[in-house]
PDB file of N, CA and C in Angstrom:
ATOM      1  N   MET A   1      44.368  29.200  41.053  1.00  0.00           N
ATOM      2  CA  MET A   1      44.709  27.907  40.520  1.00  0.00           C
ATOM      3  C   MET A   1      43.430  27.068  40.438  1.00  0.00           C
ATOM      4  N   THR A   2      43.215  26.429  39.321  1.00  0.00           N
ATOM      5  CA  THR A   2      42.027  25.595  39.149  1.00  0.00           C
ATOM      6  C   THR A   2      42.178  24.288  39.929  1.00  0.00           C
ATOM      7  N   ASP A   3      41.055  23.590  40.115  1.00  0.00           N
ATOM      8  CA  ASP A   3      41.103  22.289  40.780  1.00  0.00           C
ATOM      9  C   ASP A   3      42.012  21.329  40.022  1.00  0.00           C
ATOM     10  N   LYS A   4      41.957  21.344  38.704  1.00  0.00           N
ATOM     11  CA  LYS A   4      42.791  20.455  37.883  1.00  0.00           C
ATOM     12  C   LYS A   4      44.271  20.781  38.097  1.00  0.00           C
ATOM     13  N   GLU A   5      44.619  22.062  38.141  1.00  0.00           N
ATOM     14  CA  GLU A   5      46.011  22.457  38.373  1.00  0.00           C
ATOM     15  C   GLU A   5      46.477  22.035  39.768  1.00  0.00           C
ATOM     16  N   LEU A   6      45.597  22.187  40.772  1.00  0.00           N
ATOM     17  CA  LEU A   6      45.924  21.733  42.114  1.00  0.00           C
ATOM     18  C   LEU A   6      46.186  20.226  42.123  1.00  0.00           C
ATOM     19  N   LEU A   7      45.296  19.473  41.465  1.00  0.00           N
ATOM     20  CA  LEU A   7      45.441  18.017  41.419  1.00  0.00           C
ATOM     21  C   LEU A   7      46.695  17.611  40.661  1.00  0.00           C
ATOM     22  N   ASP A   8      47.017  18.308  39.580  1.00  0.00           N
ATOM     23  CA  ASP A   8      48.237  18.003  38.820  1.00  0.00           C
ATOM     24  C   ASP A   8      49.474  18.155  39.708  1.00  0.00           C
ATOM     25  N   ALA A   9      49.553  19.264  40.444  1.00  0.00           N
ATOM     26  CA  ALA A   9      50.713  19.509  41.301  1.00  0.00           C
ATOM     27  C   ALA A   9      50.752  18.529  42.471  1.00  0.00           C
ATOM     28  N   ALA A  10      49.582  18.206  43.046  1.00  0.00           N
ATOM     29  CA  ALA A  10      49.526  17.233  44.142  1.00  0.00           C
ATOM     30  C   ALA A  10      49.917  15.847  43.645  1.00  0.00           C
ATOM     31  N   ALA A  11      49.458  15.486  42.451  1.00  0.00           N
ATOM     32  CA  ALA A  11      49.813  14.192  41.862  1.00  0.00           C
ATOM     33  C   ALA A  11      51.322  14.111  41.652  1.00  0.00           C
ATOM     34  N   LYS A  12      51.911  15.191  41.192  1.00  0.00           N
ATOM     35  CA  LYS A  12      53.363  15.229  40.994  1.00  0.00           C
ATOM     36  C   LYS A  12      54.084  14.989  42.319  1.00  0.00           C
ATOM     37  N   ALA A  13      53.636  15.655  43.372  1.00  0.00           N
ATOM     38  CA  ALA A  13      54.253  15.488  44.690  1.00  0.00           C
ATOM     39  C   ALA A  13      54.122  14.058  45.195  1.00  0.00           C
ATOM     40  N   ALA A  14      52.985  13.418  44.884  1.00  0.00           N
ATOM     41  CA  ALA A  14      52.711  12.065  45.373  1.00  0.00           C
ATOM     42  C   ALA A  14      53.245  10.980  44.450  1.00  0.00           C
ATOM     43  N   GLY A  15      53.760  11.367  43.294  1.00  0.00           N
ATOM     44  CA  GLY A  15      54.279  10.378  42.354  1.00  0.00           C
ATOM     45  C   GLY A  15      53.197   9.656  41.572  1.00  0.00           C
ATOM     46  N   VAL A  16      52.012  10.256  41.486  1.00  0.00           N
ATOM     47  CA  VAL A  16      50.919   9.661  40.704  1.00  0.00           C
ATOM     48  C   VAL A  16      51.195   9.923  39.234  1.00  0.00           C
ATOM     49  N   THR A  17      51.292   8.873  38.448  1.00  0.00           N
ATOM     50  CA  THR A  17      51.619   9.017  37.024  1.00  0.00           C
ATOM     51  C   THR A  17      50.483   8.550  36.126  1.00  0.00           C
ATOM     52  N   ALA A  18      49.334   8.271  36.697  1.00  0.00           N
ATOM     53  CA  ALA A  18      48.185   7.806  35.913  1.00  0.00           C
ATOM     54  C   ALA A  18      47.673   8.923  35.009  1.00  0.00           C
ATOM     55  N   PRO A  19      46.989   8.575  33.923  1.00  0.00           N
ATOM     56  CA  PRO A  19      46.424   9.606  33.051  1.00  0.00           C
ATOM     57  C   PRO A  19      45.173  10.236  33.667  1.00  0.00           C
ATOM     58  N   TRP A  20      44.922  11.470  33.285  1.00  0.00           N
ATOM     59  CA  TRP A  20      43.735  12.211  33.733  1.00  0.00           C
ATOM     60  C   TRP A  20      42.542  11.788  32.899  1.00  0.00           C
ATOM     61  N   SER A  21      41.404  11.568  33.531  1.00  0.00           N
ATOM     62  CA  SER A  21      40.164  11.241  32.840  1.00  0.00           C
ATOM     63  C   SER A  21      39.210  12.417  32.968  1.00  0.00           C
ATOM     64  N   GLU A  22      38.922  13.073  31.845  1.00  0.00           N
ATOM     65  CA  GLU A  22      37.971  14.187  31.857  1.00  0.00           C
ATOM     66  C   GLU A  22      36.598  13.707  32.315  1.00  0.00           C
ATOM     67  N   LYS A  23      36.203  12.536  31.836  1.00  0.00           N
ATOM     68  CA  LYS A  23      34.872  12.005  32.176  1.00  0.00           C
ATOM     69  C   LYS A  23      34.752  11.761  33.678  1.00  0.00           C
ATOM     70  N   ALA A  24      35.770  11.149  34.283  1.00  0.00           N
ATOM     71  CA  ALA A  24      35.729  10.836  35.712  1.00  0.00           C
ATOM     72  C   ALA A  24      36.149  12.020  36.574  1.00  0.00           C
ATOM     73  N   GLN A  25      36.809  13.025  35.965  1.00  0.00           N
ATOM     74  CA  GLN A  25      37.393  14.145  36.704  1.00  0.00           C
ATOM     75  C   GLN A  25      38.325  13.624  37.797  1.00  0.00           C
ATOM     76  N   ALA A  26      39.175  12.675  37.393  1.00  0.00           N
ATOM     77  CA  ALA A  26      40.121  12.046  38.315  1.00  0.00           C
ATOM     78  C   ALA A  26      41.247  11.420  37.505  1.00  0.00           C
ATOM     79  N   TYR A  27      42.345  11.138  38.173  1.00  0.00           N
ATOM     80  CA  TYR A  27      43.374  10.322  37.543  1.00  0.00           C
ATOM     81  C   TYR A  27      42.841   8.901  37.583  1.00  0.00           C
ATOM     82  N   ARG A  28      43.114   8.135  36.534  1.00  0.00           N
ATOM     83  CA  ARG A  28      42.483   6.835  36.416  1.00  0.00           C
ATOM     84  C   ARG A  28      43.432   5.823  35.822  1.00  0.00           C
ATOM     85  N   TRP A  29      43.496   4.642  36.440  1.00  0.00           N
ATOM     86  CA  TRP A  29      44.329   3.585  35.896  1.00  0.00           C
ATOM     87  C   TRP A  29      43.691   2.233  36.197  1.00  0.00           C
ATOM     88  N   PRO A  30      43.950   1.245  35.352  1.00  0.00           N
ATOM     89  CA  PRO A  30      43.372  -0.083  35.588  1.00  0.00           C
ATOM     90  C   PRO A  30      44.107  -0.809  36.708  1.00  0.00           C
ATOM     91  N   GLU A  31      43.341  -1.454  37.552  1.00  0.00           N
ATOM     92  CA  GLU A  31      43.910  -2.292  38.603  1.00  0.00           C
ATOM     93  C   GLU A  31      43.097  -3.578  38.617  1.00  0.00           C
ATOM     94  N   GLY A  32      43.701  -4.621  38.098  1.00  0.00           N
ATOM     95  CA  GLY A  32      42.950  -5.868  37.947  1.00  0.00           C
ATOM     96  C   GLY A  32      41.862  -5.672  36.912  1.00  0.00           C
ATOM     97  N   SER A  33      40.648  -6.043  37.262  1.00  0.00           N
ATOM     98  CA  SER A  33      39.537  -5.910  36.317  1.00  0.00           C
ATOM     99  C   SER A  33      38.744  -4.625  36.540  1.00  0.00           C
ATOM    100  N   GLU A  34      39.194  -3.772  37.474  1.00  0.00           N
ATOM    101  CA  GLU A  34      38.480  -2.533  37.770  1.00  0.00           C
ATOM    102  C   GLU A  34      39.363  -1.315  37.493  1.00  0.00           C
ATOM    103  N   TRP A  35      38.712  -0.172  37.366  1.00  0.00           N
ATOM    104  CA  TRP A  35      39.440   1.095  37.219  1.00  0.00           C
ATOM    105  C   TRP A  35      39.524   1.755  38.581  1.00  0.00           C
ATOM    106  N   VAL A  36      40.678   2.283  38.888  1.00  0.00           N
ATOM    107  CA  VAL A  36      40.898   2.995  40.142  1.00  0.00           C
ATOM    108  C   VAL A  36      40.982   4.482  39.820  1.00  0.00           C
ATOM    109  N   GLU A  37      40.222   5.277  40.549  1.00  0.00           N
ATOM    110  CA  GLU A  37      40.244   6.723  40.344  1.00  0.00           C
ATOM    111  C   GLU A  37      40.915   7.378  41.544  1.00  0.00           C
ATOM    112  N   TRP A  38      41.654   8.473  41.295  1.00  0.00           N
ATOM    113  CA  TRP A  38      42.349   9.198  42.351  1.00  0.00           C
ATOM    114  C   TRP A  38      41.995  10.672  42.238  1.00  0.00           C
ATOM    115  N   ASN A  39      41.268  11.180  43.224  1.00  0.00           N
ATOM    116  CA  ASN A  39      40.949  12.597  43.303  1.00  0.00           C
ATOM    117  C   ASN A  39      40.765  12.950  44.779  1.00  0.00           C
ATOM    118  N   PRO A  40      41.844  13.377  45.443  1.00  0.00           N
ATOM    119  CA  PRO A  40      41.759  13.687  46.868  1.00  0.00           C
ATOM    120  C   PRO A  40      40.918  14.915  47.200  1.00  0.00           C
ATOM    121  N   LEU A  41      40.471  15.658  46.205  1.00  0.00           N
ATOM    122  CA  LEU A  41      39.556  16.768  46.489  1.00  0.00           C
ATOM    123  C   LEU A  41      38.156  16.266  46.835  1.00  0.00           C
ATOM    124  N   VAL A  42      37.819  15.062  46.379  1.00  0.00           N
ATOM    125  CA  VAL A  42      36.469  14.535  46.617  1.00  0.00           C
ATOM    126  C   VAL A  42      36.455  13.216  47.373  1.00  0.00           C
ATOM    127  N   ASP A  43      37.605  12.577  47.530  1.00  0.00           N
ATOM    128  CA  ASP A  43      37.656  11.266  48.166  1.00  0.00           C
ATOM    129  C   ASP A  43      38.492  11.320  49.447  1.00  0.00           C
ATOM    130  N   ASP A  44      37.859  11.037  50.587  1.00  0.00           N
ATOM    131  CA  ASP A  44      38.555  11.076  51.875  1.00  0.00           C
ATOM    132  C   ASP A  44      39.743  10.119  51.904  1.00  0.00           C
ATOM    133  N   GLY A  45      39.569   8.916  51.351  1.00  0.00           N
ATOM    134  CA  GLY A  45      40.650   7.930  51.346  1.00  0.00           C
ATOM    135  C   GLY A  45      41.843   8.405  50.548  1.00  0.00           C
ATOM    136  N   ASP A  46      41.592   8.996  49.380  1.00  0.00           N
ATOM    137  CA  ASP A  46      42.689   9.529  48.567  1.00  0.00           C
ATOM    138  C   ASP A  46      43.415  10.653  49.300  1.00  0.00           C
ATOM    139  N   ALA A  47      42.643  11.505  49.994  1.00  0.00           N
ATOM    140  CA  ALA A  47      43.254  12.604  50.751  1.00  0.00           C
ATOM    141  C   ALA A  47      44.111  12.045  51.895  1.00  0.00           C
ATOM    142  N   LEU A  48      43.614  11.009  52.581  1.00  0.00           N
ATOM    143  CA  LEU A  48      44.390  10.422  53.673  1.00  0.00           C
ATOM    144  C   LEU A  48      45.663   9.763  53.147  1.00  0.00           C
ATOM    145  N   ARG A  49      45.565   9.085  52.002  1.00  0.00           N
ATOM    146  CA  ARG A  49      46.757   8.479  51.410  1.00  0.00           C
ATOM    147  C   ARG A  49      47.788   9.542  51.046  1.00  0.00           C
ATOM    148  N   LEU A  50      47.315  10.703  50.592  1.00  0.00           N
ATOM    149  CA  LEU A  50      48.205  11.816  50.265  1.00  0.00           C
ATOM    150  C   LEU A  50      48.903  12.325  51.533  1.00  0.00           C
ATOM    151  N   VAL A  51      48.154  12.431  52.623  1.00  0.00           N
ATOM    152  CA  VAL A  51      48.724  12.849  53.907  1.00  0.00           C
ATOM    153  C   VAL A  51      49.842  11.896  54.319  1.00  0.00           C
ATOM    154  N   VAL A  52      49.569  10.594  54.235  1.00  0.00           N
ATOM    155  CA  VAL A  52      50.552   9.589  54.654  1.00  0.00           C
ATOM    156  C   VAL A  52      51.759   9.597  53.729  1.00  0.00           C
ATOM    157  N   LYS A  53      51.510   9.609  52.427  1.00  0.00           N
ATOM    158  CA  LYS A  53      52.595   9.567  51.441  1.00  0.00           C
ATOM    159  C   LYS A  53      53.568  10.732  51.615  1.00  0.00           C
ATOM    160  N   LEU A  54      53.020  11.928  51.887  1.00  0.00           N
ATOM    161  CA  LEU A  54      53.862  13.129  51.967  1.00  0.00           C
ATOM    162  C   LEU A  54      54.252  13.500  53.392  1.00  0.00           C
ATOM    163  N   GLY A  55      53.760  12.753  54.371  1.00  0.00           N
ATOM    164  CA  GLY A  55      54.101  13.048  55.761  1.00  0.00           C
ATOM    165  C   GLY A  55      53.505  14.353  56.252  1.00  0.00           C
ATOM    166  N   LEU A  56      52.265  14.635  55.855  1.00  0.00           N
ATOM    167  CA  LEU A  56      51.610  15.877  56.265  1.00  0.00           C
ATOM    168  C   LEU A  56      51.013  15.718  57.657  1.00  0.00           C
ATOM    169  N   LEU A  57      51.011  16.784  58.409  1.00  0.00           N
ATOM    170  CA  LEU A  57      50.353  16.809  59.704  1.00  0.00           C
ATOM    171  C   LEU A  57      49.083  17.629  59.528  1.00  0.00           C
ATOM    172  N   VAL A  58      47.927  17.024  59.804  1.00  0.00           N
ATOM    173  CA  VAL A  58      46.645  17.707  59.617  1.00  0.00           C
ATOM    174  C   VAL A  58      46.059  18.030  60.972  1.00  0.00           C
ATOM    175  N   SER A  59      45.704  19.269  61.147  1.00  0.00           N
ATOM    176  CA  SER A  59      45.099  19.727  62.384  1.00  0.00           C
ATOM    177  C   SER A  59      43.877  20.556  62.029  1.00  0.00           C
ATOM    178  N   VAL A  60      42.725  20.230  62.622  1.00  0.00           N
ATOM    179  CA  VAL A  60      41.496  20.991  62.362  1.00  0.00           C
ATOM    180  C   VAL A  60      41.193  21.810  63.609  1.00  0.00           C
ATOM    181  N   HIS A  61      41.138  23.122  63.422  1.00  0.00           N
ATOM    182  CA  HIS A  61      40.902  24.038  64.536  1.00  0.00           C
ATOM    183  C   HIS A  61      39.511  24.647  64.428  1.00  0.00           C
ATOM    184  N   HIS A  62      38.872  24.822  65.554  1.00  0.00           N
ATOM    185  CA  HIS A  62      37.582  25.508  65.625  1.00  0.00           C
ATOM    186  C   HIS A  62      37.846  26.860  66.260  1.00  0.00           C
ATOM    187  N   GLU A  63      37.662  27.912  65.485  1.00  0.00           N
ATOM    188  CA  GLU A  63      37.974  29.256  65.967  1.00  0.00           C
ATOM    189  C   GLU A  63      36.713  30.099  66.057  1.00  0.00           C
ATOM    190  N   SER A  64      36.357  30.508  67.246  1.00  0.00           N
ATOM    191  CA  SER A  64      35.259  31.428  67.539  1.00  0.00           C
ATOM    192  C   SER A  64      34.134  31.445  66.517  1.00  0.00           C
ATOM    193  N   GLU A  65      33.271  30.472  66.599  1.00  0.00           N
ATOM    194  CA  GLU A  65      32.095  30.376  65.736  1.00  0.00           C
ATOM    195  C   GLU A  65      32.433  30.131  64.273  1.00  0.00           C
ATOM    196  N   ARG A  66      33.670  30.289  63.887  1.00  0.00           N
ATOM    197  CA  ARG A  66      34.067  30.060  62.502  1.00  0.00           C
ATOM    198  C   ARG A  66      35.156  29.001  62.507  1.00  0.00           C
ATOM    199  N   MET A  67      34.943  27.928  61.790  1.00  0.00           N
ATOM    200  CA  MET A  67      35.916  26.853  61.814  1.00  0.00           C
ATOM    201  C   MET A  67      36.861  26.974  60.629  1.00  0.00           C
ATOM    202  N   LYS A  68      38.078  26.506  60.828  1.00  0.00           N
ATOM    203  CA  LYS A  68      39.064  26.501  59.759  1.00  0.00           C
ATOM    204  C   LYS A  68      39.758  25.149  59.743  1.00  0.00           C
ATOM    205  N   ALA A  69      40.064  24.680  58.557  1.00  0.00           N
ATOM    206  CA  ALA A  69      40.906  23.500  58.429  1.00  0.00           C
ATOM    207  C   ALA A  69      42.324  24.001  58.258  1.00  0.00           C
ATOM    208  N   HIS A  70      43.214  23.462  59.027  1.00  0.00           N
ATOM    209  CA  HIS A  70      44.589  23.947  59.027  1.00  0.00           C
ATOM    210  C   HIS A  70      45.503  22.760  58.758  1.00  0.00           C
ATOM    211  N   VAL A  71      46.278  22.830  57.702  1.00  0.00           N
ATOM    212  CA  VAL A  71      47.186  21.748  57.361  1.00  0.00           C
ATOM    213  C   VAL A  71      48.618  22.254  57.457  1.00  0.00           C
ATOM    214  N   VAL A  72      49.421  21.558  58.218  1.00  0.00           N
ATOM    215  CA  VAL A  72      50.833  21.882  58.343  1.00  0.00           C
ATOM    216  C   VAL A  72      51.614  20.753  57.697  1.00  0.00           C
ATOM    217  N   VAL A  73      52.527  21.087  56.808  1.00  0.00           N
ATOM    218  CA  VAL A  73      53.349  20.090  56.142  1.00  0.00           C
ATOM    219  C   VAL A  73      54.646  19.924  56.916  1.00  0.00           C
ATOM    220  N   VAL A  74      54.871  18.717  57.407  1.00  0.00           N
ATOM    221  CA  VAL A  74      56.108  18.420  58.123  1.00  0.00           C
ATOM    222  C   VAL A  74      56.858  17.384  57.298  1.00  0.00           C
ATOM    223  N   THR A  75      57.760  17.853  56.461  1.00  0.00           N
ATOM    224  CA  THR A  75      58.552  16.998  55.586  1.00  0.00           C
ATOM    225  C   THR A  75      59.957  17.568  55.523  1.00  0.00           C
ATOM    226  N   PRO A  76      60.877  16.901  54.846  1.00  0.00           N
ATOM    227  CA  PRO A  76      62.206  17.482  54.661  1.00  0.00           C
ATOM    228  C   PRO A  76      62.163  18.742  53.788  1.00  0.00           C
ATOM    229  N   HIS A  77      61.038  18.962  53.130  1.00  0.00           N
ATOM    230  CA  HIS A  77      60.876  20.141  52.269  1.00  0.00           C
ATOM    231  C   HIS A  77      60.704  21.383  53.140  1.00  0.00           C
ATOM    232  N   PRO A  78      60.737  22.553  52.563  1.00  0.00           N
ATOM    233  CA  PRO A  78      60.453  23.758  53.354  1.00  0.00           C
ATOM    234  C   PRO A  78      59.061  23.666  53.974  1.00  0.00           C
ATOM    235  N   HIS A  79      58.926  24.266  55.132  1.00  0.00           N
ATOM    236  CA  HIS A  79      57.653  24.273  55.866  1.00  0.00           C
ATOM    237  C   HIS A  79      56.570  24.955  55.045  1.00  0.00           C
ATOM    238  N   VAL A  80      55.429  24.311  54.923  1.00  0.00           N
ATOM    239  CA  VAL A  80      54.277  24.887  54.232  1.00  0.00           C
ATOM    240  C   VAL A  80      53.118  24.874  55.211  1.00  0.00           C
ATOM    241  N   ASP A  81      52.425  25.977  55.313  1.00  0.00           N
ATOM    242  CA  ASP A  81      51.306  26.113  56.233  1.00  0.00           C
ATOM    243  C   ASP A  81      50.107  26.593  55.422  1.00  0.00           C
ATOM    244  N   VAL A  82      49.051  25.785  55.380  1.00  0.00           N
ATOM    245  CA  VAL A  82      47.870  26.110  54.588  1.00  0.00           C
ATOM    246  C   VAL A  82      46.660  26.205  55.503  1.00  0.00           C
ATOM    247  N   THR A  83      45.881  27.263  55.358  1.00  0.00           N
ATOM    248  CA  THR A  83      44.637  27.411  56.107  1.00  0.00           C
ATOM    249  C   THR A  83      43.488  27.505  55.116  1.00  0.00           C
ATOM    250  N   GLU A  84      42.438  26.752  55.374  1.00  0.00           N
ATOM    251  CA  GLU A  84      41.272  26.734  54.494  1.00  0.00           C
ATOM    252  C   GLU A  84      40.019  26.914  55.346  1.00  0.00           C
ATOM    253  N   PRO A  85      39.281  28.028  55.193  1.00  0.00           N
ATOM    254  CA  PRO A  85      38.022  28.191  55.936  1.00  0.00           C
ATOM    255  C   PRO A  85      36.975  27.220  55.393  1.00  0.00           C
ATOM    256  N   PHE A  86      36.005  26.862  56.229  1.00  0.00           N
ATOM    257  CA  PHE A  86      35.029  25.931  55.708  1.00  0.00           C
ATOM    258  C   PHE A  86      33.632  26.106  56.254  1.00  0.00           C
ATOM    259  N   GLY A  87      32.696  25.631  55.428  1.00  0.00           N
ATOM    260  CA  GLY A  87      31.326  25.389  55.826  1.00  0.00           C
ATOM    261  C   GLY A  87      31.222  23.877  55.997  1.00  0.00           C
ATOM    262  N   ASP A  88      31.753  23.135  55.031  1.00  0.00           N
ATOM    263  CA  ASP A  88      31.836  21.676  55.074  1.00  0.00           C
ATOM    264  C   ASP A  88      33.251  21.317  55.519  1.00  0.00           C
ATOM    265  N   ALA A  89      33.391  20.860  56.751  1.00  0.00           N
ATOM    266  CA  ALA A  89      34.707  20.587  57.325  1.00  0.00           C
ATOM    267  C   ALA A  89      35.487  19.554  56.529  1.00  0.00           C
ATOM    268  N   TYR A  90      34.816  18.542  56.014  1.00  0.00           N
ATOM    269  CA  TYR A  90      35.504  17.474  55.295  1.00  0.00           C
ATOM    270  C   TYR A  90      36.040  17.963  53.954  1.00  0.00           C
ATOM    271  N   ALA A  91      35.221  18.689  53.214  1.00  0.00           N
ATOM    272  CA  ALA A  91      35.655  19.222  51.918  1.00  0.00           C
ATOM    273  C   ALA A  91      36.806  20.209  52.095  1.00  0.00           C
ATOM    274  N   ALA A  92      36.717  21.052  53.107  1.00  0.00           N
ATOM    275  CA  ALA A  92      37.773  22.035  53.335  1.00  0.00           C
ATOM    276  C   ALA A  92      39.077  21.366  53.758  1.00  0.00           C
ATOM    277  N   THR A  93      38.979  20.306  54.552  1.00  0.00           N
ATOM    278  CA  THR A  93      40.188  19.599  54.972  1.00  0.00           C
ATOM    279  C   THR A  93      40.844  18.927  53.776  1.00  0.00           C
ATOM    280  N   ARG A  94      40.034  18.288  52.924  1.00  0.00           N
ATOM    281  CA  ARG A  94      40.591  17.675  51.702  1.00  0.00           C
ATOM    282  C   ARG A  94      41.263  18.735  50.835  1.00  0.00           C
ATOM    283  N   ARG A  95      40.611  19.887  50.667  1.00  0.00           N
ATOM    284  CA  ARG A  95      41.170  20.952  49.830  1.00  0.00           C
ATOM    285  C   ARG A  95      42.470  21.479  50.431  1.00  0.00           C
ATOM    286  N   ALA A  96      42.525  21.653  51.738  1.00  0.00           N
ATOM    287  CA  ALA A  96      43.750  22.134  52.377  1.00  0.00           C
ATOM    288  C   ALA A  96      44.884  21.126  52.180  1.00  0.00           C
ATOM    289  N   ILE A  97      44.573  19.843  52.270  1.00  0.00           N
ATOM    290  CA  ILE A  97      45.579  18.798  52.042  1.00  0.00           C
ATOM    291  C   ILE A  97      46.105  18.874  50.614  1.00  0.00           C
ATOM    292  N   VAL A  98      45.196  18.994  49.645  1.00  0.00           N
ATOM    293  CA  VAL A  98      45.605  19.057  48.235  1.00  0.00           C
ATOM    294  C   VAL A  98      46.403  20.330  47.975  1.00  0.00           C
ATOM    295  N   ARG A  99      45.993  21.452  48.556  1.00  0.00           N
ATOM    296  CA  ARG A  99      46.739  22.705  48.370  1.00  0.00           C
ATOM    297  C   ARG A  99      48.157  22.582  48.917  1.00  0.00           C
ATOM    298  N   ALA A 100      48.307  21.974  50.096  1.00  0.00           N
ATOM    299  CA  ALA A 100      49.635  21.799  50.681  1.00  0.00           C
ATOM    300  C   ALA A 100      50.483  20.871  49.804  1.00  0.00           C
ATOM    301  N   ALA A 101      49.895  19.779  49.340  1.00  0.00           N
ATOM    302  CA  ALA A 101      50.616  18.861  48.462  1.00  0.00           C
ATOM    303  C   ALA A 101      50.997  19.550  47.164  1.00  0.00           C
ATOM    304  N   ALA A 102      50.102  20.359  46.628  1.00  0.00           N
ATOM    305  CA  ALA A 102      50.376  21.083  45.385  1.00  0.00           C
ATOM    306  C   ALA A 102      51.573  22.023  45.553  1.00  0.00           C
ATOM    307  N   MET A 103      51.677  22.662  46.718  1.00  0.00           N
ATOM    308  CA  MET A 103      52.824  23.542  46.965  1.00  0.00           C
ATOM    309  C   MET A 103      54.116  22.739  46.949  1.00  0.00           C
ATOM    310  N   LEU A 104      54.084  21.540  47.503  1.00  0.00           N
ATOM    311  CA  LEU A 104      55.272  20.679  47.465  1.00  0.00           C
ATOM    312  C   LEU A 104      55.548  20.220  46.040  1.00  0.00           C
ATOM    313  N   GLY A 105      54.499  19.877  45.290  1.00  0.00           N
ATOM    314  CA  GLY A 105      54.668  19.440  43.904  1.00  0.00           C
ATOM    315  C   GLY A 105      55.235  20.531  43.029  1.00  0.00           C
ATOM    316  N   ASP A 106      54.836  21.775  43.278  1.00  0.00           N
ATOM    317  CA  ASP A 106      55.365  22.891  42.491  1.00  0.00           C
ATOM    318  C   ASP A 106      56.848  23.120  42.745  1.00  0.00           C
ATOM    319  N   LYS A 107      57.341  22.667  43.902  1.00  0.00           N
ATOM    320  CA  LYS A 107      58.747  22.866  44.247  1.00  0.00           C
ATOM    321  C   LYS A 107      59.633  21.749  43.687  1.00  0.00           C
ATOM    322  N   GLN A 108      59.025  20.711  43.130  1.00  0.00           N
ATOM    323  CA  GLN A 108      59.806  19.592  42.584  1.00  0.00           C
ATOM    324  C   GLN A 108      60.248  19.877  41.182  1.00  0.00           C
TER     325      GLN A 108
END
């Protein structure tokens, strides 16, 4: 699944209805006099908002010299468990969050 497909499914799960901006590589909508971009793959705040909106439980585990980001989805939906290995802990955690949200979005 491409990053765009992951974001589309995660946006669906989160109820994001803004249009996609190829230039910004994010969903984008006007808010007041500024444009707001939404891309939880690259923005920690967007990823955290996705966690809160969907009721995700995020747990980061350090396993024997190799770290993994582990996201468990605790919602009324079926249980989803996503593991993402990482070199960059923050990027991997954001990706695991988006992957888990995308799985929920695909079920809607």
